[in-house]
Protein backbone atom coordinates (compact mmCIF):
# COMPACT_ATOMS: atom_id res chain seq x y z
CA MET A 1 -3.00 30.94 -50.95
CA SER A 2 -3.42 28.18 -48.71
CA ASP A 3 -0.52 25.72 -47.84
CA LEU A 4 0.21 22.85 -50.84
CA THR A 5 -0.61 19.83 -49.98
CA PRO A 6 1.86 16.67 -51.12
CA ALA A 7 -1.16 15.30 -53.95
CA GLU A 8 -0.74 19.00 -55.36
CA THR A 9 2.70 19.57 -55.22
CA ALA A 10 2.94 15.89 -57.12
CA ARG A 11 0.35 17.05 -59.63
CA LEU A 12 1.81 20.29 -60.33
CA ALA A 13 5.14 19.10 -60.88
CA ALA A 14 3.87 16.40 -63.14
CA ARG A 15 2.09 19.25 -65.21
CA ALA A 16 5.20 21.25 -65.40
CA GLY A 17 7.22 18.10 -66.70
CA LEU A 18 9.22 17.44 -63.49
CA PRO A 19 7.74 14.01 -61.88
CA LEU A 20 8.38 13.63 -58.76
CA ALA A 21 9.05 10.10 -56.81
CA ASP A 22 5.97 9.54 -54.35
CA ALA A 23 8.63 9.64 -51.33
CA ARG A 24 9.64 13.16 -52.07
CA HIS A 25 5.80 14.32 -52.52
CA THR A 26 5.84 15.89 -48.33
CA ASP A 27 9.41 17.43 -48.74
CA VAL A 28 8.71 18.98 -51.92
CA ALA A 29 5.66 20.63 -50.54
CA ALA A 30 7.05 21.60 -47.40
CA VAL A 31 9.78 23.21 -49.14
CA ALA A 32 7.28 25.07 -51.70
CA ASN A 33 5.33 26.50 -48.61
CA HIS A 34 8.60 27.81 -46.82
CA ILE A 35 9.31 29.47 -49.86
CA HIS A 36 6.00 30.81 -50.17
CA SER A 37 5.94 32.32 -46.71
CA VAL A 38 9.25 33.65 -47.22
CA VAL A 39 8.39 35.44 -50.39
CA SER A 40 4.98 36.69 -48.56
CA VAL A 41 6.93 38.52 -46.19
CA LEU A 42 9.30 40.26 -48.89
CA ARG A 43 5.88 41.55 -50.31
CA ASP A 44 5.18 43.37 -47.16
CA LEU A 45 7.97 45.39 -47.15
CA ASP A 46 8.14 48.82 -47.78
CA PHE A 47 10.97 49.82 -50.36
CA GLY A 48 9.78 53.17 -51.15
CA ASP A 49 12.71 54.91 -49.90
CA THR A 50 15.27 52.10 -52.05
CA ALA A 51 16.91 53.49 -55.30
CA PRO A 52 16.07 51.33 -58.16
CA ALA A 53 19.08 48.45 -58.51
CA SER A 54 20.15 50.34 -61.70
CA THR A 55 21.30 53.01 -59.69
CA TYR A 56 24.23 50.68 -58.42
CA ARG A 57 27.22 49.45 -59.90
CA ALA A 58 29.47 46.76 -58.85
CA GLU A 59 32.94 47.69 -58.87
CA GLU A 60 35.52 44.95 -58.14
CA GLY A 61 37.46 44.97 -54.49
CA VAL A 62 35.40 48.15 -53.82
CA ARG A 63 32.39 47.88 -50.94
CA HIS A 64 29.91 50.67 -50.38
CA VAL A 65 28.36 51.60 -47.24
CA ALA A 66 25.36 53.18 -46.92
CA GLY A 67 25.36 56.51 -44.25
């Protein structure tokens, strides 16, 4: 996916029912592009040996350290 332009960002936001003020188009596009770049890196990670989240239980006051 190529970077979103400010105009595309405004169009997509309006389509989602979130109209943006003209002054925010550039900033919102930059943030959306940054989030996309971070998520893209996460998608490339190999989690093959990672247990599913359902195997962990959160217990108040207990910290589990892998080892």
